[in-house]
Amino acid sequence: MKKFIPYEKLSKKEKRKIDQAKRQTWGELNPVTRKPENSKAYNRKRTQDWKKELPNPASFVLFL
């Protein structure tokens, strides 16, 4: 039978072993905090979107 030693009096090595045994994984949960992007903030990609909406000038070739 092991002799009881208070946690505070254990060596660093023994405390690490106990702490490591208590730790668990997050499983399916991702602990990264997420928030929606600010709709009022400047977005370089969104400002370029108007170019994609324009029709291609090569498709308007006139045959005379």
PDB file of N, CA and C in Angstrom:
ATOM      1  N   MET A   1       0.842  -1.180   0.000  1.00  0.00           N
ATOM      2  CA  MET A   1       0.000   0.000   0.000  1.00  0.00           C
ATOM      3  C   MET A   1       0.890   1.247   0.000  1.00  0.00           C
ATOM      4  N   LYS A   2       0.551   2.187  -0.911  1.00  0.00           N
ATOM      5  CA  LYS A   2       1.342   3.415  -0.998  1.00  0.00           C
ATOM      6  C   LYS A   2       1.027   4.340   0.166  1.00  0.00           C
ATOM      7  N   LYS A   3       2.050   5.022   0.612  1.00  0.00           N
ATOM      8  CA  LYS A   3       1.889   5.987   1.696  1.00  0.00           C
ATOM      9  C   LYS A   3       1.330   7.283   1.107  1.00  0.00           C
ATOM     10  N   PHE A   4       0.341   7.876   1.791  1.00  0.00           N
ATOM     11  CA  PHE A   4      -0.275   9.108   1.307  1.00  0.00           C
ATOM     12  C   PHE A   4       0.665  10.283   1.543  1.00  0.00           C
ATOM     13  N   ILE A   5       0.900  11.041   0.474  1.00  0.00           N
ATOM     14  CA  ILE A   5       1.709  12.253   0.551  1.00  0.00           C
ATOM     15  C   ILE A   5       0.867  13.376  -0.042  1.00  0.00           C
ATOM     16  N   PRO A   6       0.707  14.485   0.682  1.00  0.00           N
ATOM     17  CA  PRO A   6      -0.087  15.594   0.144  1.00  0.00           C
ATOM     18  C   PRO A   6       0.502  16.104  -1.174  1.00  0.00           C
ATOM     19  N   TYR A   7      -0.389  16.580  -2.031  1.00  0.00           N
ATOM     20  CA  TYR A   7       0.020  17.049  -3.361  1.00  0.00           C
ATOM     21  C   TYR A   7       1.080  18.137  -3.271  1.00  0.00           C
ATOM     22  N   GLU A   8       0.940  19.048  -2.326  1.00  0.00           N
ATOM     23  CA  GLU A   8       1.880  20.158  -2.191  1.00  0.00           C
ATOM     24  C   GLU A   8       3.298  19.690  -1.869  1.00  0.00           C
ATOM     25  N   LYS A   9       3.408  18.526  -1.239  1.00  0.00           N
ATOM     26  CA  LYS A   9       4.721  18.039  -0.828  1.00  0.00           C
ATOM     27  C   LYS A   9       5.349  17.089  -1.851  1.00  0.00           C
ATOM     28  N   LEU A  10       4.638  16.799  -2.919  1.00  0.00           N
ATOM     29  CA  LEU A  10       5.193  15.908  -3.945  1.00  0.00           C
ATOM     30  C   LEU A  10       6.270  16.622  -4.739  1.00  0.00           C
ATOM     31  N   SER A  11       7.141  15.844  -5.362  1.00  0.00           N
ATOM     32  CA  SER A  11       8.172  16.421  -6.226  1.00  0.00           C
ATOM     33  C   SER A  11       7.526  16.914  -7.518  1.00  0.00           C
ATOM     34  N   LYS A  12       8.252  17.741  -8.259  1.00  0.00           N
ATOM     35  CA  LYS A  12       7.729  18.254  -9.530  1.00  0.00           C
ATOM     36  C   LYS A  12       7.408  17.113 -10.476  1.00  0.00           C
ATOM     37  N   LYS A  13       8.281  16.133 -10.501  1.00  0.00           N
ATOM     38  CA  LYS A  13       8.099  14.998 -11.397  1.00  0.00           C
ATOM     39  C   LYS A  13       6.802  14.244 -11.080  1.00  0.00           C
ATOM     40  N   GLU A  14       6.536  14.015  -9.812  1.00  0.00           N
ATOM     41  CA  GLU A  14       5.324  13.304  -9.404  1.00  0.00           C
ATOM     42  C   GLU A  14       4.077  14.147  -9.669  1.00  0.00           C
ATOM     43  N   LYS A  15       4.184  15.477  -9.434  1.00  0.00           N
ATOM     44  CA  LYS A  15       3.048  16.361  -9.714  1.00  0.00           C
ATOM     45  C   LYS A  15       2.712  16.336 -11.201  1.00  0.00           C
ATOM     46  N   ARG A  16       3.737  16.340 -12.055  1.00  0.00           N
ATOM     47  CA  ARG A  16       3.506  16.288 -13.502  1.00  0.00           C
ATOM     48  C   ARG A  16       2.793  15.009 -13.904  1.00  0.00           C
ATOM     49  N   LYS A  17       3.201  13.884 -13.310  1.00  0.00           N
ATOM     50  CA  LYS A  17       2.552  12.598 -13.627  1.00  0.00           C
ATOM     51  C   LYS A  17       1.074  12.633 -13.267  1.00  0.00           C
ATOM     52  N   ILE A  18       0.763  13.174 -12.094  1.00  0.00           N
ATOM     53  CA  ILE A  18      -0.634  13.242 -11.650  1.00  0.00           C
ATOM     54  C   ILE A  18      -1.429  14.192 -12.545  1.00  0.00           C
ATOM     55  N   ASP A  19      -0.863  15.356 -12.839  1.00  0.00           N
ATOM     56  CA  ASP A  19      -1.547  16.335 -13.689  1.00  0.00           C
ATOM     57  C   ASP A  19      -1.788  15.779 -15.085  1.00  0.00           C
ATOM     58  N   GLN A  20      -0.798  15.081 -15.627  1.00  0.00           N
ATOM     59  CA  GLN A  20      -0.929  14.510 -16.968  1.00  0.00           C
ATOM     60  C   GLN A  20      -2.033  13.446 -16.998  1.00  0.00           C
ATOM     61  N   ALA A  21      -2.161  12.683 -15.935  1.00  0.00           N
ATOM     62  CA  ALA A  21      -3.196  11.650 -15.865  1.00  0.00           C
ATOM     63  C   ALA A  21      -4.590  12.277 -15.808  1.00  0.00           C
ATOM     64  N   LYS A  22      -4.714  13.464 -15.206  1.00  0.00           N
ATOM     65  CA  LYS A  22      -6.019  14.133 -15.088  1.00  0.00           C
ATOM     66  C   LYS A  22      -6.445  14.817 -16.380  1.00  0.00           C
ATOM     67  N   ARG A  23      -5.484  15.158 -17.223  1.00  0.00           N
ATOM     68  CA  ARG A  23      -5.819  15.882 -18.457  1.00  0.00           C
ATOM     69  C   ARG A  23      -6.556  14.981 -19.434  1.00  0.00           C
ATOM     70  N   GLN A  24      -7.459  15.593 -20.179  1.00  0.00           N
ATOM     71  CA  GLN A  24      -8.212  14.869 -21.199  1.00  0.00           C
ATOM     72  C   GLN A  24      -8.199  15.668 -22.487  1.00  0.00           C
ATOM     73  N   THR A  25      -8.634  15.041 -23.550  1.00  0.00           N
ATOM     74  CA  THR A  25      -8.692  15.729 -24.839  1.00  0.00           C
ATOM     75  C   THR A  25     -10.026  16.466 -24.966  1.00  0.00           C
ATOM     76  N   TRP A  26     -10.080  17.348 -25.957  1.00  0.00           N
ATOM     77  CA  TRP A  26     -11.311  18.076 -26.233  1.00  0.00           C
ATOM     78  C   TRP A  26     -12.279  17.240 -27.054  1.00  0.00           C
ATOM     79  N   GLY A  27     -11.812  16.121 -27.592  1.00  0.00           N
ATOM     80  CA  GLY A  27     -12.683  15.272 -28.386  1.00  0.00           C
ATOM     81  C   GLY A  27     -13.054  15.946 -29.696  1.00  0.00           C
ATOM     82  N   GLU A  28     -14.323  15.971 -30.029  1.00  0.00           N
ATOM     83  CA  GLU A  28     -14.812  16.574 -31.270  1.00  0.00           C
ATOM     84  C   GLU A  28     -14.870  18.096 -31.180  1.00  0.00           C
ATOM     85  N   LEU A  29     -14.847  18.642 -29.983  1.00  0.00           N
ATOM     86  CA  LEU A  29     -14.974  20.077 -29.790  1.00  0.00           C
ATOM     87  C   LEU A  29     -13.662  20.770 -30.104  1.00  0.00           C
ATOM     88  N   ASN A  30     -13.714  21.831 -30.893  1.00  0.00           N
ATOM     89  CA  ASN A  30     -12.533  22.620 -31.209  1.00  0.00           C
ATOM     90  C   ASN A  30     -12.519  23.839 -30.289  1.00  0.00           C
ATOM     91  N   PRO A  31     -11.479  23.996 -29.457  1.00  0.00           N
ATOM     92  CA  PRO A  31     -11.479  25.066 -28.467  1.00  0.00           C
ATOM     93  C   PRO A  31     -11.192  26.463 -29.024  1.00  0.00           C
ATOM     94  N   VAL A  32     -10.965  26.589 -30.319  1.00  0.00           N
ATOM     95  CA  VAL A  32     -10.656  27.889 -30.901  1.00  0.00           C
ATOM     96  C   VAL A  32     -11.914  28.755 -30.911  1.00  0.00           C
ATOM     97  N   THR A  33     -11.785  29.966 -30.412  1.00  0.00           N
ATOM     98  CA  THR A  33     -12.916  30.886 -30.386  1.00  0.00           C
ATOM     99  C   THR A  33     -13.158  31.419 -31.794  1.00  0.00           C
ATOM    100  N   ARG A  34     -14.394  31.390 -32.218  1.00  0.00           N
ATOM    101  CA  ARG A  34     -14.739  31.892 -33.548  1.00  0.00           C
ATOM    102  C   ARG A  34     -15.781  32.985 -33.413  1.00  0.00           C
ATOM    103  N   LYS A  35     -15.689  33.959 -34.307  1.00  0.00           N
ATOM    104  CA  LYS A  35     -16.678  35.021 -34.328  1.00  0.00           C
ATOM    105  C   LYS A  35     -16.932  35.392 -35.778  1.00  0.00           C
ATOM    106  N   PRO A  36     -18.114  35.903 -36.091  1.00  0.00           N
ATOM    107  CA  PRO A  36     -18.399  36.302 -37.470  1.00  0.00           C
ATOM    108  C   PRO A  36     -17.538  37.495 -37.867  1.00  0.00           C
ATOM    109  N   GLU A  37     -17.210  37.564 -39.157  1.00  0.00           N
ATOM    110  CA  GLU A  37     -16.387  38.686 -39.608  1.00  0.00           C
ATOM    111  C   GLU A  37     -17.192  39.976 -39.564  1.00  0.00           C
ATOM    112  N   ASN A  38     -16.518  41.064 -39.339  1.00  0.00           N
ATOM    113  CA  ASN A  38     -17.154  42.370 -39.244  1.00  0.00           C
ATOM    114  C   ASN A  38     -17.616  42.791 -40.639  1.00  0.00           C
ATOM    115  N   SER A  39     -18.907  42.984 -40.813  1.00  0.00           N
ATOM    116  CA  SER A  39     -19.444  43.342 -42.132  1.00  0.00           C
ATOM    117  C   SER A  39     -19.068  44.761 -42.539  1.00  0.00           C
ATOM    118  N   LYS A  40     -18.713  45.605 -41.590  1.00  0.00           N
ATOM    119  CA  LYS A  40     -18.349  46.980 -41.908  1.00  0.00           C
ATOM    120  C   LYS A  40     -16.858  47.131 -42.212  1.00  0.00           C
ATOM    121  N   ALA A  41     -16.079  46.104 -41.922  1.00  0.00           N
ATOM    122  CA  ALA A  41     -14.633  46.190 -42.131  1.00  0.00           C
ATOM    123  C   ALA A  41     -14.309  46.058 -43.618  1.00  0.00           C
ATOM    124  N   TYR A  42     -13.197  46.660 -44.022  1.00  0.00           N
ATOM    125  CA  TYR A  42     -12.748  46.601 -45.412  1.00  0.00           C
ATOM    126  C   TYR A  42     -12.249  45.206 -45.724  1.00  0.00           C
ATOM    127  N   ASN A  43     -12.713  44.652 -46.831  1.00  0.00           N
ATOM    128  CA  ASN A  43     -12.311  43.321 -47.243  1.00  0.00           C
ATOM    129  C   ASN A  43     -11.814  43.391 -48.686  1.00  0.00           C
ATOM    130  N   ARG A  44     -10.535  43.123 -48.896  1.00  0.00           N
ATOM    131  CA  ARG A  44      -9.952  43.237 -50.235  1.00  0.00           C
ATOM    132  C   ARG A  44     -10.600  42.284 -51.233  1.00  0.00           C
ATOM    133  N   LYS A  45     -10.907  41.088 -50.802  1.00  0.00           N
ATOM    134  CA  LYS A  45     -11.512  40.114 -51.717  1.00  0.00           C
ATOM    135  C   LYS A  45     -12.896  40.557 -52.169  1.00  0.00           C
ATOM    136  N   ARG A  46     -13.665  41.112 -51.246  1.00  0.00           N
ATOM    137  CA  ARG A  46     -15.023  41.538 -51.594  1.00  0.00           C
ATOM    138  C   ARG A  46     -14.994  42.710 -52.564  1.00  0.00           C
ATOM    139  N   THR A  47     -13.998  43.580 -52.457  1.00  0.00           N
ATOM    140  CA  THR A  47     -13.930  44.729 -53.354  1.00  0.00           C
ATOM    141  C   THR A  47     -13.596  44.314 -54.777  1.00  0.00           C
ATOM    142  N   GLN A  48     -12.983  43.163 -54.974  1.00  0.00           N
ATOM    143  CA  GLN A  48     -12.637  42.676 -56.308  1.00  0.00           C
ATOM    144  C   GLN A  48     -13.791  41.908 -56.959  1.00  0.00           C
ATOM    145  N   ASP A  49     -14.835  41.595 -56.200  1.00  0.00           N
ATOM    146  CA  ASP A  49     -15.943  40.789 -56.717  1.00  0.00           C
ATOM    147  C   ASP A  49     -16.686  41.461 -57.872  1.00  0.00           C
ATOM    148  N   TRP A  50     -16.727  42.778 -57.937  1.00  0.00           N
ATOM    149  CA  TRP A  50     -17.467  43.442 -59.003  1.00  0.00           C
ATOM    150  C   TRP A  50     -16.860  43.126 -60.371  1.00  0.00           C
ATOM    151  N   LYS A  51     -15.562  42.849 -60.435  1.00  0.00           N
ATOM    152  CA  LYS A  51     -14.924  42.519 -61.705  1.00  0.00           C
ATOM    153  C   LYS A  51     -15.425  41.176 -62.242  1.00  0.00           C
ATOM    154  N   LYS A  52     -15.726  40.269 -61.340  1.00  0.00           N
ATOM    155  CA  LYS A  52     -16.196  38.937 -61.746  1.00  0.00           C
ATOM    156  C   LYS A  52     -17.616  38.994 -62.312  1.00  0.00           C
ATOM    157  N   GLU A  53     -18.394  39.960 -61.887  1.00  0.00           N
ATOM    158  CA  GLU A  53     -19.780  40.062 -62.331  1.00  0.00           C
ATOM    159  C   GLU A  53     -19.916  40.671 -63.722  1.00  0.00           C
ATOM    160  N   LEU A  54     -18.908  41.387 -64.182  1.00  0.00           N
ATOM    161  CA  LEU A  54     -18.964  41.994 -65.507  1.00  0.00           C
ATOM    162  C   LEU A  54     -18.875  40.920 -66.584  1.00  0.00           C
ATOM    163  N   PRO A  55     -19.597  41.100 -67.686  1.00  0.00           N
ATOM    164  CA  PRO A  55     -19.495  40.130 -68.780  1.00  0.00           C
ATOM    165  C   PRO A  55     -18.116  40.226 -69.444  1.00  0.00           C
ATOM    166  N   ASN A  56     -17.693  39.121 -69.977  1.00  0.00           N
ATOM    167  CA  ASN A  56     -16.393  39.058 -70.631  1.00  0.00           C
ATOM    168  C   ASN A  56     -16.461  39.836 -71.953  1.00  0.00           C
ATOM    169  N   PRO A  57     -15.573  40.816 -72.192  1.00  0.00           N
ATOM    170  CA  PRO A  57     -15.641  41.603 -73.435  1.00  0.00           C
ATOM    171  C   PRO A  57     -15.333  40.754 -74.675  1.00  0.00           C
ATOM    172  N   ALA A  58     -14.669  39.635 -74.530  1.00  0.00           N
ATOM    173  CA  ALA A  58     -14.362  38.782 -75.670  1.00  0.00           C
ATOM    174  C   ALA A  58     -15.634  38.114 -76.218  1.00  0.00           C
ATOM    175  N   SER A  59     -16.664  38.029 -75.388  1.00  0.00           N
ATOM    176  CA  SER A  59     -17.900  37.390 -75.831  1.00  0.00           C
ATOM    177  C   SER A  59     -18.753  38.348 -76.687  1.00  0.00           C
ATOM    178  N   PHE A  60     -18.383  39.610 -76.779  1.00  0.00           N
ATOM    179  CA  PHE A  60     -19.126  40.597 -77.568  1.00  0.00           C
ATOM    180  C   PHE A  60     -18.403  40.938 -78.857  1.00  0.00           C
ATOM    181  N   VAL A  61     -17.827  39.988 -79.483  1.00  0.00           N
ATOM    182  CA  VAL A  61     -17.118  40.239 -80.753  1.00  0.00           C
ATOM    183  C   VAL A  61     -18.175  40.459 -81.845  1.00  0.00           C
ATOM    184  N   LEU A  62     -18.053  41.572 -82.524  1.00  0.00           N
ATOM    185  CA  LEU A  62     -19.023  41.898 -83.574  1.00  0.00           C
ATOM    186  C   LEU A  62     -18.518  41.414 -84.923  1.00  0.00           C
ATOM    187  N   PHE A  63     -19.366  40.785 -85.655  1.00  0.00           N
ATOM    188  CA  PHE A  63     -19.030  40.324 -86.993  1.00  0.00           C
ATOM    189  C   PHE A  63     -19.726  41.247 -87.985  1.00  0.00           C
ATOM    190  N   LEU A  64     -18.953  41.932 -88.768  1.00  0.00           N
ATOM    191  CA  LEU A  64     -19.510  42.861 -89.750  1.00  0.00           C
ATOM    192  C   LEU A  64     -19.538  42.276 -91.126  1.00  0.00           C
TER     193      LEU A  64
END
